[in-house]
Amino acid sequence: MSVTFWAEGEEGAEVNFANRNARVVLGMLGLGDEDLCGGLEGDELAALRRKLVEVLNVQERRKGAVREASVTGGEGTGQCMVVDAGNEDSDTVRRLKGVQEVVVWAQDRGLGIGWG
């Protein structure tokens, strides 16, 4: 499963992430991480751009932090095995910059954004 962020009403900039990565990005931007669908109107994008700059500045200063890989479930647990391959800050920065591109593109055209 995946989540796409796009500009409403027009084809153009969009970015797509795995659900887990989308949850991280949405949580960092204060957009909640429970529902993987939503949107913002054009007049709400200036505040989101400010938040993106703030979060990117913090992430880029951290350089090199890594969320370790993990495995849950599997044989004998009664659950399917789930492997989380981990994440580096550079991955998070790349995703945040992708969302930033969509937001800037939409705001420049007076559009809102959506995700789902």
Protein backbone atom coordinates (compact mmCIF):
# COMPACT_ATOMS: atom_id res chain seq x y z
CA MET A 1 0.00 0.00 0.00
CA SER A 2 1.12 3.54 -0.61
CA VAL A 3 0.08 7.17 -0.19
CA THR A 4 0.33 9.83 -2.89
CA PHE A 5 0.53 13.58 -2.20
CA TRP A 6 -0.76 15.71 -5.10
CA ALA A 7 -2.02 19.15 -6.11
CA GLU A 8 -5.82 19.29 -6.22
CA GLY A 9 -7.56 19.92 -9.52
CA GLU A 10 -4.57 19.80 -11.85
CA GLU A 11 -2.04 17.27 -13.01
CA GLY A 12 1.41 18.24 -11.95
CA ALA A 13 3.71 17.63 -9.03
CA GLU A 14 3.05 14.52 -6.97
CA VAL A 15 5.04 12.22 -4.75
CA ASN A 16 4.30 8.70 -3.49
CA PHE A 17 5.48 6.90 -0.32
CA ALA A 18 4.91 3.60 1.41
CA ASN A 19 2.26 3.88 4.16
CA ARG A 20 4.80 3.78 6.98
CA ASN A 21 6.88 6.56 5.42
CA ALA A 22 3.77 8.65 4.77
CA ARG A 23 2.77 8.28 8.44
CA VAL A 24 6.18 9.57 9.51
CA VAL A 25 5.96 12.59 7.18
CA LEU A 26 2.37 13.42 8.15
CA GLY A 27 3.24 13.15 11.85
CA MET A 28 6.27 15.40 11.49
CA LEU A 29 4.17 18.03 9.74
CA GLY A 30 1.45 17.94 12.38
CA LEU A 31 -1.11 16.56 9.93
CA GLY A 32 -1.87 13.47 12.00
CA ASP A 33 -0.73 10.00 11.17
CA GLU A 34 -3.87 7.94 11.71
CA ASP A 35 -5.78 8.69 8.51
CA LEU A 36 -3.68 8.29 5.43
CA CYS A 37 -5.98 10.51 3.43
CA GLY A 38 -6.79 14.18 3.68
CA GLY A 39 -6.06 17.54 2.19
CA LEU A 40 -5.47 21.22 2.71
CA GLU A 41 -6.96 24.23 0.94
CA GLY A 42 -4.71 26.67 -0.87
CA ASP A 43 -4.96 29.25 1.92
CA GLU A 44 -3.55 26.69 4.39
CA LEU A 45 -0.38 26.00 2.42
CA ALA A 46 1.66 28.99 3.63
CA ALA A 47 1.60 27.59 7.17
CA LEU A 48 2.52 24.14 5.87
CA ARG A 49 5.46 25.60 3.93
CA ARG A 50 6.73 27.25 7.11
CA LYS A 51 6.41 23.95 8.98
CA LEU A 52 8.25 22.12 6.19
CA VAL A 53 11.16 24.57 6.38
CA GLU A 54 11.29 24.20 10.17
CA VAL A 55 11.22 20.38 10.07
CA LEU A 56 13.74 20.20 7.19
CA ASN A 57 16.16 22.45 9.09
CA VAL A 58 16.04 20.15 12.11
CA GLN A 59 16.36 16.97 10.03
CA GLU A 60 19.25 18.28 7.97
CA ARG A 61 21.18 19.24 11.13
CA ARG A 62 20.77 15.72 12.56
CA LYS A 63 22.70 14.17 9.64
CA GLY A 64 23.19 10.47 9.91
CA ALA A 65 20.69 9.37 12.54
CA VAL A 66 19.39 5.90 11.71
CA ARG A 67 16.26 4.07 12.80
CA GLU A 68 17.40 0.47 13.07
CA ALA A 69 15.81 -2.37 11.13
CA SER A 70 13.49 -4.67 13.06
CA VAL A 71 11.51 -7.86 12.61
CA THR A 72 8.23 -8.62 14.40
CA GLY A 73 5.99 -11.68 14.32
CA GLY A 74 7.04 -14.77 12.44
CA GLU A 75 7.12 -18.48 13.11
CA GLY A 76 5.61 -19.55 16.43
CA THR A 77 4.02 -16.16 17.17
CA GLY A 78 0.73 -16.66 15.36
CA GLN A 79 1.44 -13.48 13.40
CA CYS A 80 2.88 -12.86 9.98
CA MET A 81 6.49 -11.68 9.89
CA VAL A 82 6.91 -7.96 9.33
CA VAL A 83 10.34 -6.61 8.43
CA ASP A 84 11.00 -2.89 8.86
CA ALA A 85 14.17 -2.10 6.91
CA GLY A 86 15.01 0.98 8.96
CA ASN A 87 15.38 4.58 7.85
CA GLU A 88 18.14 7.16 7.66
CA ASP A 89 17.57 10.86 8.18
CA SER A 90 18.60 11.42 4.56
CA ASP A 91 15.58 9.30 3.52
CA THR A 92 13.26 11.44 5.64
CA VAL A 93 14.75 14.66 4.25
CA ARG A 94 14.26 13.38 0.69
CA ARG A 95 10.59 12.62 1.42
CA LEU A 96 9.99 15.98 3.09
CA LYS A 97 11.53 17.77 0.11
CA GLY A 98 9.22 15.81 -2.18
CA VAL A 99 6.19 17.02 -0.24
CA GLN A 100 7.65 20.54 -0.26
CA GLU A 101 7.83 20.47 -4.07
CA VAL A 102 4.15 19.49 -4.27
CA VAL A 103 3.16 22.22 -1.80
CA VAL A 104 5.14 24.94 -3.61
CA TRP A 105 3.78 23.84 -7.00
CA ALA A 106 0.19 23.89 -5.71
CA GLN A 107 0.53 27.18 -3.85
CA ASP A 108 2.05 28.90 -6.89
CA ARG A 109 -1.11 27.96 -8.79
CA GLY A 110 -3.60 28.75 -6.04
CA LEU A 111 -4.48 25.08 -5.55
CA GLY A 112 -4.84 22.90 -2.48
CA ILE A 113 -3.16 19.56 -1.93
CA GLY A 114 -4.48 16.12 -1.15
CA TRP A 115 -3.07 12.83 0.00
CA GLY A 116 -4.37 9.32 0.05
